[in-house]
Each structure stands twice: as C-alpha cells, then as structure tokens.
C-alpha cells in the first residue's frame, strides 16, 4: 500500500474543506509512494499550508507527509505489526472501546478489498469516525482480478454512505492510469436512472470521499442495488410489458432471446458514458471534491 498522488489529492481536498485533517487513521501503513517533493508541490499548488519541518525524508512511510499537510496525529491499523502499524485489529471483527469515534479522517489506501467480511470492515470505518468525520479511499474497481477478495462498483459506495446510515457521499471519482490518464466524476446510478459502466482494458480505481453526519444504531443498514429497486417499484409495468411481448409469441424462442440480447446490447451502448463526467487532472479532482463538500 502506498500514498499515491491520487490518494493524496483526497487529503488535500479534505484539508481545504476548512475543518482540517484532524486525527487521521490509515488502514494499513501507507508508503510514501509519490515522493515527498511531489507531495509538497501538489499541496502548495493547491494553496495548502505546508509544514516541511515535520517531514522525515529518510522514512519510507507516508505518515510524515500527512503531518506536513496538516494532520494532528497519524495512526495506522493492520492485522499484524509486520509494517509497524500503531493499532493491531482484525477488521473482520467489530471495533470497540477507545476506537469508537476516535478519528476525524479514515483513509483506505488498499485494505478493504483484502478483508473477507467487507460489511463489517466498512461498518468499522464508519464507527471509528467522529460525527462530521470523513472517510476516504483509493480502491480497485475493475481488472484487478487476483489482487484481493474484491473489486468495487461505484454503486456500492453510493448505497453504503446514505442518509439511512447517517452518512452522505461527497464525491466519487474513477480513474485509469496510462500514457494519458482517464479521470471521471461518477454520478449516483439512482439519479442517472441506469447502471454506470466503464469497461476498458487496464486497471481502473475509485476515489471515494464520504462524511459521517451522525451515529446510528446500525451503521450497515439495508442496502439494495438502485436499478433493482426501480424494477421492483415498476412491477405493474412489467406485467404490461410481458403482455406486449406476448404479441410476439408466434416467434421461435431463440428469436425472442436474440431480440432481448440485441435490446440489452443497444441499451449498454447507448448508456456507455451515462453518469460519467470527465475531469482533466489532479487539481480538477481536488476542486471537484472540495466543491462537493459545499453542496447540501
């Protein structure tokens, strides 16, 4: 796990929101993957107050980068001490005691996809945040097979960080690194009215930023995929659609299946970029995330 320029952009945006990074917890200890010079340049270009005296240039870890960017404290949580984390805990099990509400910022730079009991791990992240705190993640989305247990869809985070769970999702960005990076802001599929797809060669990842508004009794809640919720609400219309399809019952079954496949392919092609808005670069990600915090 390493603190990349994309992950660090979330920290810059968090700091620019006005309340500061506060008490930071990283899931897994983050290596200084982007280099101290690049971190300082990105921070200063974004107008961040940079405290270079807190940097530890000889350390391979990114803790001091976050302290220089304004964090009050930086802790790291892992299953074992093999990378000298400050807190040992198995995220498959609920957190308790002093860890509840202990942090203002929780950052996942590549841990949750390796935790088998993802719902419990996600609930732990929310539980460890103080009210008003912010969860941030740089996490795999597509073409990461073999990397961990899971790779994640934008839909998942929109459903997790919802009002019923005492949260709101501030921003979600998809990126694919290459000769020319592709970066998109991703809208909520529930608002788009269809699944948001982005199927390309190469690895794609998500940048997630969400805020805990209040503590709830069950911070997992009930989650359902938005397009299925829409279908269930339109059950009566489905009956009518089936009746219309009955007028084609004289056609062979294979033909009907072929027509359904053509319709599905057409819908996917027509909606291939729905819910995606292109962003130019790292500064535009910071601007997008910061602006999203100001929206109600």
C-alpha atoms as a PDB file:
ATOM      1  CA  UNK A   1       0.000   0.000   0.000  1.00  0.00           C
ATOM      2  CA  UNK A   2       1.265   3.434  -0.877  1.00  0.00           C
ATOM      3  CA  UNK A   3       0.136   7.030  -0.733  1.00  0.00           C
ATOM      4  CA  UNK A   4      -0.208   7.888  -4.445  1.00  0.00           C
ATOM      5  CA  UNK A   5      -0.850  11.291  -5.984  1.00  0.00           C
ATOM      6  CA  UNK A   6      -4.493  10.310  -6.379  1.00  0.00           C
ATOM      7  CA  UNK A   7      -4.888   9.307  -2.748  1.00  0.00           C
ATOM      8  CA  UNK A   8      -3.048  12.423  -1.591  1.00  0.00           C
ATOM      9  CA  UNK A   9      -5.442  14.561  -3.663  1.00  0.00           C
ATOM     10  CA  UNK A  10      -8.201  13.413  -1.299  1.00  0.00           C
ATOM     11  CA  UNK A  11      -6.190  14.610   1.705  1.00  0.00           C
ATOM     12  CA  UNK A  12      -5.636  17.997   0.060  1.00  0.00           C
ATOM     13  CA  UNK A  13      -9.357  18.305  -0.659  1.00  0.00           C
ATOM     14  CA  UNK A  14     -10.157  17.282   2.915  1.00  0.00           C
ATOM     15  CA  UNK A  15      -7.827  19.951   4.296  1.00  0.00           C
ATOM     16  CA  UNK A  16      -9.277  22.601   2.004  1.00  0.00           C
ATOM     17  CA  UNK A  17     -12.787  21.866   3.275  1.00  0.00           C
ATOM     18  CA  UNK A  18     -11.928  24.011   6.283  1.00  0.00           C
ATOM     19  CA  UNK A  19     -12.114  21.624   9.219  1.00  0.00           C
ATOM     20  CA  UNK A  20      -8.658  20.147   8.659  1.00  0.00           C
ATOM     21  CA  UNK A  21      -7.439  16.553   8.639  1.00  0.00           C
ATOM     22  CA  UNK A  22      -7.543  16.268  12.428  1.00  0.00           C
ATOM     23  CA  UNK A  23      -6.847  12.806  13.840  1.00  0.00           C
ATOM     24  CA  UNK A  24      -6.011  10.543  10.880  1.00  0.00           C
ATOM     25  CA  UNK A  25      -6.242   6.757  10.711  1.00  0.00           C
ATOM     26  CA  UNK A  26      -4.928   4.874   7.691  1.00  0.00           C
ATOM     27  CA  UNK A  27      -5.974   1.281   7.069  1.00  0.00           C
ATOM     28  CA  UNK A  28      -2.616  -0.338   6.573  1.00  0.00           C
ATOM     29  CA  UNK A  29       0.548   1.699   6.807  1.00  0.00           C
ATOM     30  CA  UNK A  30       0.970   3.849   3.721  1.00  0.00           C
ATOM     31  CA  UNK A  31       4.324   4.035   1.974  1.00  0.00           C
ATOM     32  CA  UNK A  32       5.442   7.394   0.562  1.00  0.00           C
ATOM     33  CA  UNK A  33       4.858   6.147  -2.997  1.00  0.00           C
ATOM     34  CA  UNK A  34       4.590   9.552  -4.658  1.00  0.00           C
ATOM     35  CA  UNK A  35       7.723  11.049  -3.114  1.00  0.00           C
ATOM     36  CA  UNK A  36       7.982  13.974  -0.709  1.00  0.00           C
ATOM     37  CA  UNK A  37       8.796  16.510  -3.431  1.00  0.00           C
ATOM     38  CA  UNK A  38       5.710  15.669  -5.464  1.00  0.00           C
ATOM     39  CA  UNK A  39       3.524  15.781  -2.352  1.00  0.00           C
ATOM     40  CA  UNK A  40       4.817  19.229  -1.416  1.00  0.00           C
ATOM     41  CA  UNK A  41       4.349  20.525  -4.977  1.00  0.00           C
ATOM     42  CA  UNK A  42       0.762  19.268  -5.156  1.00  0.00           C
ATOM     43  CA  UNK A  43      -0.003  20.695  -1.724  1.00  0.00           C
ATOM     44  CA  UNK A  44       1.492  24.117  -2.370  1.00  0.00           C
ATOM     45  CA  UNK A  45      -0.099  24.368  -5.836  1.00  0.00           C
ATOM     46  CA  UNK A  46      -3.464  23.756  -4.157  1.00  0.00           C
ATOM     47  CA  UNK A  47      -2.820  26.508  -1.604  1.00  0.00           C
ATOM     48  CA  UNK A  48      -2.095  24.148   1.281  1.00  0.00           C
ATOM     49  CA  UNK A  49      -0.085  25.415   4.250  1.00  0.00           C
ATOM     50  CA  UNK A  50       2.893  23.042   4.199  1.00  0.00           C
ATOM     51  CA  UNK A  51       4.952  22.335   7.336  1.00  0.00           C
ATOM     52  CA  UNK A  52       8.132  20.874   5.893  1.00  0.00           C
ATOM     53  CA  UNK A  53       9.729  20.631   9.352  1.00  0.00           C
ATOM     54  CA  UNK A  54       7.536  17.593  10.073  1.00  0.00           C
ATOM     55  CA  UNK A  55       8.825  15.593   7.107  1.00  0.00           C
ATOM     56  CA  UNK A  56      11.045  12.576   7.668  1.00  0.00           C
ATOM     57  CA  UNK A  57      12.855  12.234   4.319  1.00  0.00           C
ATOM     58  CA  UNK A  58      14.655   9.025   5.293  1.00  0.00           C
ATOM     59  CA  UNK A  59      11.440   7.217   6.250  1.00  0.00           C
ATOM     60  CA  UNK A  60       9.726   5.023   3.621  1.00  0.00           C
ATOM     61  CA  UNK A  61       6.325   5.742   5.184  1.00  0.00           C
ATOM     62  CA  UNK A  62       3.865   8.495   4.289  1.00  0.00           C
ATOM     63  CA  UNK A  63       2.949   9.402   7.884  1.00  0.00           C
ATOM     64  CA  UNK A  64       5.128  12.489   7.943  1.00  0.00           C
ATOM     65  CA  UNK A  65       3.678  13.640   4.587  1.00  0.00           C
ATOM     66  CA  UNK A  66       0.242  13.750   6.200  1.00  0.00           C
ATOM     67  CA  UNK A  67       1.611  15.561   9.261  1.00  0.00           C
ATOM     68  CA  UNK A  68       3.245  18.134   6.990  1.00  0.00           C
ATOM     69  CA  UNK A  69      -0.105  18.534   5.204  1.00  0.00           C
ATOM     70  CA  UNK A  70      -1.835  19.418   8.469  1.00  0.00           C
ATOM     71  CA  UNK A  71      -2.813  16.203  10.272  1.00  0.00           C
ATOM     72  CA  UNK A  72      -2.817  16.466  14.080  1.00  0.00           C
ATOM     73  CA  UNK A  73      -1.919  12.797  14.542  1.00  0.00           C
ATOM     74  CA  UNK A  74      -1.464   9.835  12.188  1.00  0.00           C
ATOM     75  CA  UNK A  75      -2.184   6.254  13.231  1.00  0.00           C
ATOM     76  CA  UNK A  76      -2.264   3.106  11.122  1.00  0.00           C
ATOM     77  CA  UNK A  77      -4.294  -0.081  11.618  1.00  0.00           C
ATOM     78  CA  UNK A  78      -3.383  -3.533  10.381  1.00  0.00           C
ATOM     79  CA  UNK A  79      -3.916  -7.210  11.126  1.00  0.00           C
ATOM     80  CA  UNK A  80      -0.331  -7.585  12.338  1.00  0.00           C
ATOM     81  CA  UNK A  81       2.714  -5.481  13.192  1.00  0.00           C
ATOM     82  CA  UNK A  82       4.763  -6.599  10.181  1.00  0.00           C
ATOM     83  CA  UNK A  83       4.829  -2.998   8.888  1.00  0.00           C
ATOM     84  CA  UNK A  84       4.996  -1.446  12.378  1.00  0.00           C
ATOM     85  CA  UNK A  85       1.417  -0.197  12.488  1.00  0.00           C
ATOM     86  CA  UNK A  86       0.305   1.611  15.636  1.00  0.00           C
ATOM     87  CA  UNK A  87      -3.017  -0.271  16.068  1.00  0.00           C
ATOM     88  CA  UNK A  88      -3.448  -4.022  15.605  1.00  0.00           C
ATOM     89  CA  UNK A  89      -7.000  -5.109  14.782  1.00  0.00           C
ATOM     90  CA  UNK A  90      -8.690  -7.653  12.520  1.00  0.00           C
ATOM     91  CA  UNK A  91     -11.281  -5.669  10.548  1.00  0.00           C
ATOM     92  CA  UNK A  92     -13.358  -8.830  10.173  1.00  0.00           C
ATOM     93  CA  UNK A  93     -14.446  -8.154  13.761  1.00  0.00           C
ATOM     94  CA  UNK A  94     -16.221  -5.075  15.181  1.00  0.00           C
ATOM     95  CA  UNK A  95     -14.139  -2.335  16.805  1.00  0.00           C
ATOM     96  CA  UNK A  96     -14.927  -1.387  20.387  1.00  0.00           C
ATOM     97  CA  UNK A  97     -13.861   0.838  23.245  1.00  0.00           C
ATOM     98  CA  UNK A  98     -11.454   3.697  22.584  1.00  0.00           C
ATOM     99  CA  UNK A  99     -11.598   3.211  18.805  1.00  0.00           C
ATOM    100  CA  UNK A 100     -15.257   4.261  18.573  1.00  0.00           C
ATOM    101  CA  UNK A 101     -15.458   7.832  17.254  1.00  0.00           C
ATOM    102  CA  UNK A 102     -11.719   8.253  17.714  1.00  0.00           C
ATOM    103  CA  UNK A 103     -10.772   9.739  14.325  1.00  0.00           C
ATOM    104  CA  UNK A 104     -11.665  12.697  12.116  1.00  0.00           C
ATOM    105  CA  UNK A 105     -10.317  11.140   8.910  1.00  0.00           C
ATOM    106  CA  UNK A 106     -10.165   7.446   7.988  1.00  0.00           C
ATOM    107  CA  UNK A 107      -8.281   6.560   4.803  1.00  0.00           C
ATOM    108  CA  UNK A 108      -8.249   3.235   2.977  1.00  0.00           C
ATOM    109  CA  UNK A 109      -5.356   3.094   0.558  1.00  0.00           C
ATOM    110  CA  UNK A 110      -5.775  -0.564  -0.388  1.00  0.00           C
ATOM    111  CA  UNK A 111      -7.011  -2.627   2.545  1.00  0.00           C
ATOM    112  CA  UNK A 112     -10.776  -3.198   2.359  1.00  0.00           C
ATOM    113  CA  UNK A 113     -10.559  -5.355  -0.773  1.00  0.00           C
ATOM    114  CA  UNK A 114      -8.432  -7.815   1.263  1.00  0.00           C
ATOM    115  CA  UNK A 115     -10.904  -8.144   4.162  1.00  0.00           C
ATOM    116  CA  UNK A 116     -13.264 -11.091   3.750  1.00  0.00           C
ATOM    117  CA  UNK A 117     -16.105  -9.642   5.847  1.00  0.00           C
ATOM    118  CA  UNK A 118     -16.400  -6.396   3.915  1.00  0.00           C
ATOM    119  CA  UNK A 119     -19.697  -5.229   5.515  1.00  0.00           C
ATOM    120  CA  UNK A 120     -18.170  -5.475   8.996  1.00  0.00           C
ATOM    121  CA  UNK A 121     -14.968  -3.747   7.843  1.00  0.00           C
ATOM    122  CA  UNK A 122     -16.976  -0.935   6.242  1.00  0.00           C
ATOM    123  CA  UNK A 123     -19.100  -0.558   9.358  1.00  0.00           C
ATOM    124  CA  UNK A 124     -15.888  -0.354  11.403  1.00  0.00           C
ATOM    125  CA  UNK A 125     -14.671   2.554   9.276  1.00  0.00           C
ATOM    126  CA  UNK A 126     -17.876   4.473   9.938  1.00  0.00           C
ATOM    127  CA  UNK A 127     -17.860   3.570  13.642  1.00  0.00           C
ATOM    128  CA  UNK A 128     -14.307   4.834  14.098  1.00  0.00           C
ATOM    129  CA  UNK A 129     -15.206   8.237  12.647  1.00  0.00           C
ATOM    130  CA  UNK A 130     -16.362  11.045  14.895  1.00  0.00           C
ATOM    131  CA  UNK A 131     -19.596  12.723  13.813  1.00  0.00           C
ATOM    132  CA  UNK A 132     -18.667  15.072  10.970  1.00  0.00           C
ATOM    133  CA  UNK A 133     -15.596  12.982  10.133  1.00  0.00           C
ATOM    134  CA  UNK A 134     -14.664  11.948   6.599  1.00  0.00           C
ATOM    135  CA  UNK A 135     -13.933   8.536   5.094  1.00  0.00           C
ATOM    136  CA  UNK A 136     -11.660   8.466   2.045  1.00  0.00           C
ATOM    137  CA  UNK A 137     -10.468   5.609  -0.136  1.00  0.00           C
ATOM    138  CA  UNK A 138      -8.395   4.763  -3.176  1.00  0.00           C
ATOM    139  CA  UNK A 139      -9.717   1.322  -4.052  1.00  0.00           C
ATOM    140  CA  UNK A 140      -9.755  -1.112  -7.025  1.00  0.00           C
ATOM    141  CA  UNK A 141     -12.731  -1.053  -9.377  1.00  0.00           C
ATOM    142  CA  UNK A 142     -12.025  -3.154 -12.489  1.00  0.00           C
ATOM    143  CA  UNK A 143      -9.406  -5.520 -13.965  1.00  0.00           C
ATOM    144  CA  UNK A 144      -7.756  -6.179 -10.586  1.00  0.00           C
ATOM    145  CA  UNK A 145      -8.557  -9.915 -10.541  1.00  0.00           C
ATOM    146  CA  UNK A 146      -6.208 -11.801  -8.209  1.00  0.00           C
ATOM    147  CA  UNK A 147      -5.241  -8.692  -6.248  1.00  0.00           C
ATOM    148  CA  UNK A 148      -7.657  -9.212  -3.353  1.00  0.00           C
ATOM    149  CA  UNK A 149     -11.001 -10.751  -2.465  1.00  0.00           C
ATOM    150  CA  UNK A 150     -12.976  -7.960  -4.142  1.00  0.00           C
ATOM    151  CA  UNK A 151     -13.058  -5.100  -6.612  1.00  0.00           C
ATOM    152  CA  UNK A 152     -15.763  -2.485  -6.169  1.00  0.00           C
ATOM    153  CA  UNK A 153     -18.521  -0.789  -8.147  1.00  0.00           C
ATOM    154  CA  UNK A 154     -19.446   2.881  -7.600  1.00  0.00           C
ATOM    155  CA  UNK A 155     -22.975   1.730  -6.762  1.00  0.00           C
ATOM    156  CA  UNK A 156     -21.706   0.061  -3.576  1.00  0.00           C
ATOM    157  CA  UNK A 157     -20.376   3.263  -2.038  1.00  0.00           C
ATOM    158  CA  UNK A 158     -23.424   5.298  -3.009  1.00  0.00           C
ATOM    159  CA  UNK A 159     -25.605   2.782  -1.181  1.00  0.00           C
ATOM    160  CA  UNK A 160     -23.328   2.439   1.890  1.00  0.00           C
ATOM    161  CA  UNK A 161     -22.893   6.167   2.513  1.00  0.00           C
ATOM    162  CA  UNK A 162     -26.577   7.061   2.532  1.00  0.00           C
ATOM    163  CA  UNK A 163     -28.818   9.073   4.827  1.00  0.00           C
ATOM    164  CA  UNK A 164     -30.232   5.926   6.452  1.00  0.00           C
ATOM    165  CA  UNK A 165     -26.706   5.044   7.580  1.00  0.00           C
ATOM    166  CA  UNK A 166     -26.123   8.559   8.924  1.00  0.00           C
ATOM    167  CA  UNK A 167     -23.770   9.450   6.063  1.00  0.00           C
ATOM    168  CA  UNK A 168     -23.543  11.277   2.757  1.00  0.00           C
ATOM    169  CA  UNK A 169     -21.267  10.518  -0.161  1.00  0.00           C
ATOM    170  CA  UNK A 170     -19.404  13.700  -1.065  1.00  0.00           C
ATOM    171  CA  UNK A 171     -17.657  12.650  -4.250  1.00  0.00           C
ATOM    172  CA  UNK A 172     -16.727   9.572  -6.242  1.00  0.00           C
ATOM    173  CA  UNK A 173     -14.071   9.652  -8.958  1.00  0.00           C
ATOM    174  CA  UNK A 174     -12.998   6.864 -11.306  1.00  0.00           C
ATOM    175  CA  UNK A 175      -9.533   6.869 -12.855  1.00  0.00           C
ATOM    176  CA  UNK A 176      -7.442   4.723 -15.159  1.00  0.00           C
ATOM    177  CA  UNK A 177      -3.729   5.393 -15.248  1.00  0.00           C
ATOM    178  CA  UNK A 178      -1.919   5.136 -18.574  1.00  0.00           C
ATOM    179  CA  UNK A 179       0.058   7.202 -21.075  1.00  0.00           C
ATOM    180  CA  UNK A 180      -2.846   9.637 -20.742  1.00  0.00           C
ATOM    181  CA  UNK A 181      -4.806   9.188 -17.523  1.00  0.00           C
ATOM    182  CA  UNK A 182      -8.564   8.943 -17.848  1.00  0.00           C
ATOM    183  CA  UNK A 183     -10.446  10.573 -14.961  1.00  0.00           C
ATOM    184  CA  UNK A 184     -14.210  10.813 -14.480  1.00  0.00           C
ATOM    185  CA  UNK A 185     -16.563  12.044 -11.790  1.00  0.00           C
ATOM    186  CA  UNK A 186     -19.186   9.331 -11.255  1.00  0.00           C
ATOM    187  CA  UNK A 187     -22.830  10.207 -10.560  1.00  0.00           C
ATOM    188  CA  UNK A 188     -25.197   8.155  -8.418  1.00  0.00           C
ATOM    189  CA  UNK A 189     -26.783   5.418 -10.586  1.00  0.00           C
ATOM    190  CA  UNK A 190     -30.052   6.058  -8.718  1.00  0.00           C
ATOM    191  CA  UNK A 191     -30.070   9.616 -10.119  1.00  0.00           C
ATOM    192  CA  UNK A 192     -28.793   8.591 -13.543  1.00  0.00           C
ATOM    193  CA  UNK A 193     -31.569   6.047 -13.908  1.00  0.00           C
ATOM    194  CA  UNK A 194     -29.296   3.262 -15.148  1.00  0.00           C
ATOM    195  CA  UNK A 195     -26.137   1.410 -14.252  1.00  0.00           C
ATOM    196  CA  UNK A 196     -22.965   3.465 -14.668  1.00  0.00           C
ATOM    197  CA  UNK A 197     -20.495   1.429 -16.733  1.00  0.00           C
ATOM    198  CA  UNK A 198     -16.864   1.924 -17.712  1.00  0.00           C
ATOM    199  CA  UNK A 199     -15.378  -1.215 -19.260  1.00  0.00           C
ATOM    200  CA  UNK A 200     -11.908  -0.766 -20.726  1.00  0.00           C
ATOM    201  CA  UNK A 201      -8.597  -2.590 -20.794  1.00  0.00           C
ATOM    202  CA  UNK A 202      -6.229  -1.727 -17.959  1.00  0.00           C
ATOM    203  CA  UNK A 203      -6.844  -1.260 -14.265  1.00  0.00           C
ATOM    204  CA  UNK A 204      -9.370   1.259 -13.037  1.00  0.00           C
ATOM    205  CA  UNK A 205      -9.714   2.514  -9.474  1.00  0.00           C
ATOM    206  CA  UNK A 206     -12.107   4.640  -7.435  1.00  0.00           C
ATOM    207  CA  UNK A 207     -11.520   7.655  -5.215  1.00  0.00           C
ATOM    208  CA  UNK A 208     -14.209   7.822  -2.556  1.00  0.00           C
ATOM    209  CA  UNK A 209     -14.958  10.670  -0.149  1.00  0.00           C
ATOM    210  CA  UNK A 210     -17.881  10.455   2.285  1.00  0.00           C
ATOM    211  CA  UNK A 211     -18.914  12.181   5.503  1.00  0.00           C
ATOM    212  CA  UNK A 212     -20.407  10.711   8.667  1.00  0.00           C
ATOM    213  CA  UNK A 213     -23.237  13.012   9.683  1.00  0.00           C
ATOM    214  CA  UNK A 214     -24.347  11.239  12.835  1.00  0.00           C
ATOM    215  CA  UNK A 215     -24.051   7.969  14.722  1.00  0.00           C
ATOM    216  CA  UNK A 216     -26.805   5.435  14.017  1.00  0.00           C
ATOM    217  CA  UNK A 217     -27.714   2.212  15.788  1.00  0.00           C
ATOM    218  CA  UNK A 218     -26.938   0.016  12.770  1.00  0.00           C
ATOM    219  CA  UNK A 219     -24.328   1.560  10.514  1.00  0.00           C
ATOM    220  CA  UNK A 220     -24.737  -1.138   7.905  1.00  0.00           C
ATOM    221  CA  UNK A 221     -28.463  -0.720   7.343  1.00  0.00           C
ATOM    222  CA  UNK A 222     -30.278  -2.349   4.453  1.00  0.00           C
ATOM    223  CA  UNK A 223     -28.742  -1.863   1.016  1.00  0.00           C
ATOM    224  CA  UNK A 224     -30.229  -2.755  -2.352  1.00  0.00           C
ATOM    225  CA  UNK A 225     -28.959  -2.006  -5.850  1.00  0.00           C
ATOM    226  CA  UNK A 226     -30.765   1.064  -7.174  1.00  0.00           C
ATOM    227  CA  UNK A 227     -31.789  -0.273 -10.589  1.00  0.00           C
ATOM    228  CA  UNK A 228     -33.404  -3.322  -8.997  1.00  0.00           C
ATOM    229  CA  UNK A 229     -35.271  -1.099  -6.578  1.00  0.00           C
ATOM    230  CA  UNK A 230     -36.645   0.762  -9.601  1.00  0.00           C
ATOM    231  CA  UNK A 231     -37.678  -2.500 -11.264  1.00  0.00           C
ATOM    232  CA  UNK A 232     -39.449  -3.699  -8.145  1.00  0.00           C
ATOM    233  CA  UNK A 233     -41.390  -0.433  -7.931  1.00  0.00           C
ATOM    234  CA  UNK A 234     -42.417  -0.826 -11.539  1.00  0.00           C
ATOM    235  CA  UNK A 235     -43.695  -4.386 -11.155  1.00  0.00           C
ATOM    236  CA  UNK A 236     -47.094  -3.492 -12.562  1.00  0.00           C
ATOM    237  CA  UNK A 237     -45.465  -2.009 -15.654  1.00  0.00           C
ATOM    238  CA  UNK A 238     -43.500  -5.220 -16.070  1.00  0.00           C
ATOM    239  CA  UNK A 239     -46.758  -7.157 -16.292  1.00  0.00           C
ATOM    240  CA  UNK A 240     -47.877  -4.834 -19.069  1.00  0.00           C
ATOM    241  CA  UNK A 241     -44.545  -5.271 -20.839  1.00  0.00           C
ATOM    242  CA  UNK A 242     -44.900  -9.029 -20.683  1.00  0.00           C
ATOM    243  CA  UNK A 243     -48.378  -8.710 -22.172  1.00  0.00           C
ATOM    244  CA  UNK A 244     -46.961  -6.691 -25.062  1.00  0.00           C
ATOM    245  CA  UNK A 245     -44.255  -9.256 -25.560  1.00  0.00           C
ATOM    246  CA  UNK A 246     -46.965 -11.884 -25.774  1.00  0.00           C
ATOM    247  CA  UNK A 247     -47.956 -10.415 -29.135  1.00  0.00           C
ATOM    248  CA  UNK A 248     -44.642 -11.795 -30.453  1.00  0.00           C
ATOM    249  CA  UNK A 249     -45.270 -15.254 -29.056  1.00  0.00           C
ATOM    250  CA  UNK A 250     -45.585 -16.656 -32.551  1.00  0.00           C
ATOM    251  CA  UNK A 251     -41.809 -16.185 -32.992  1.00  0.00           C
ATOM    252  CA  UNK A 252     -39.436 -19.051 -32.090  1.00  0.00           C
ATOM    253  CA  UNK A 253     -37.953 -18.877 -28.570  1.00  0.00           C
ATOM    254  CA  UNK A 254     -34.429 -18.474 -29.942  1.00  0.00           C
ATOM    255  CA  UNK A 255     -35.530 -15.410 -31.917  1.00  0.00           C
ATOM    256  CA  UNK A 256     -37.087 -13.849 -28.834  1.00  0.00           C
ATOM    257  CA  UNK A 257     -33.883 -14.451 -26.891  1.00  0.00           C
ATOM    258  CA  UNK A 258     -31.918 -12.888 -29.733  1.00  0.00           C
ATOM    259  CA  UNK A 259     -34.153  -9.812 -29.693  1.00  0.00           C
ATOM    260  CA  UNK A 260     -33.651  -9.490 -25.926  1.00  0.00           C
ATOM    261  CA  UNK A 261     -29.877  -9.707 -26.398  1.00  0.00           C
ATOM    262  CA  UNK A 262     -29.956  -7.037 -29.112  1.00  0.00           C
ATOM    263  CA  UNK A 263     -32.022  -4.767 -26.870  1.00  0.00           C
ATOM    264  CA  UNK A 264     -29.588  -5.300 -23.981  1.00  0.00           C
ATOM    265  CA  UNK A 265     -26.548  -4.570 -26.193  1.00  0.00           C
ATOM    266  CA  UNK A 266     -28.240  -1.444 -27.547  1.00  0.00           C
ATOM    267  CA  UNK A 267     -29.016  -0.181 -24.040  1.00  0.00           C
ATOM    268  CA  UNK A 268     -25.422  -0.759 -22.921  1.00  0.00           C
ATOM    269  CA  UNK A 269     -24.024   1.081 -25.956  1.00  0.00           C
ATOM    270  CA  UNK A 270     -26.471   3.962 -25.574  1.00  0.00           C
ATOM    271  CA  UNK A 271     -25.687   4.340 -21.845  1.00  0.00           C
ATOM    272  CA  UNK A 272     -21.944   3.615 -22.089  1.00  0.00           C
ATOM    273  CA  UNK A 273     -20.973   7.066 -20.783  1.00  0.00           C
ATOM    274  CA  UNK A 274     -24.071   7.982 -18.771  1.00  0.00           C
ATOM    275  CA  UNK A 275     -23.229   9.163 -15.285  1.00  0.00           C
ATOM    276  CA  UNK A 276     -19.593   9.953 -16.129  1.00  0.00           C
ATOM    277  CA  UNK A 277     -18.196  13.485 -16.337  1.00  0.00           C
ATOM    278  CA  UNK A 278     -14.604  13.905 -17.458  1.00  0.00           C
ATOM    279  CA  UNK A 279     -12.081  15.596 -15.178  1.00  0.00           C
ATOM    280  CA  UNK A 280      -8.783  16.859 -16.533  1.00  0.00           C
ATOM    281  CA  UNK A 281      -6.127  16.222 -13.901  1.00  0.00           C
ATOM    282  CA  UNK A 282      -5.260  16.016 -10.198  1.00  0.00           C
ATOM    283  CA  UNK A 283      -6.106  19.701  -9.482  1.00  0.00           C
ATOM    284  CA  UNK A 284      -9.537  19.184 -11.066  1.00  0.00           C
ATOM    285  CA  UNK A 285     -10.102  16.198  -8.746  1.00  0.00           C
ATOM    286  CA  UNK A 286      -9.276  18.386  -5.741  1.00  0.00           C
ATOM    287  CA  UNK A 287     -11.606  21.105  -6.993  1.00  0.00           C
ATOM    288  CA  UNK A 288     -14.407  18.605  -7.634  1.00  0.00           C
ATOM    289  CA  UNK A 289     -14.101  17.016  -4.174  1.00  0.00           C
ATOM    290  CA  UNK A 290     -13.926  20.383  -2.408  1.00  0.00           C
ATOM    291  CA  UNK A 291     -16.955  21.728  -4.293  1.00  0.00           C
ATOM    292  CA  UNK A 292     -18.955  18.624  -3.435  1.00  0.00           C
ATOM    293  CA  UNK A 293     -18.491  19.306   0.278  1.00  0.00           C
ATOM    294  CA  UNK A 294     -20.220  22.673  -0.064  1.00  0.00           C
ATOM    295  CA  UNK A 295     -23.306  21.182  -1.729  1.00  0.00           C
ATOM    296  CA  UNK A 296     -26.184  20.286   0.622  1.00  0.00           C
END
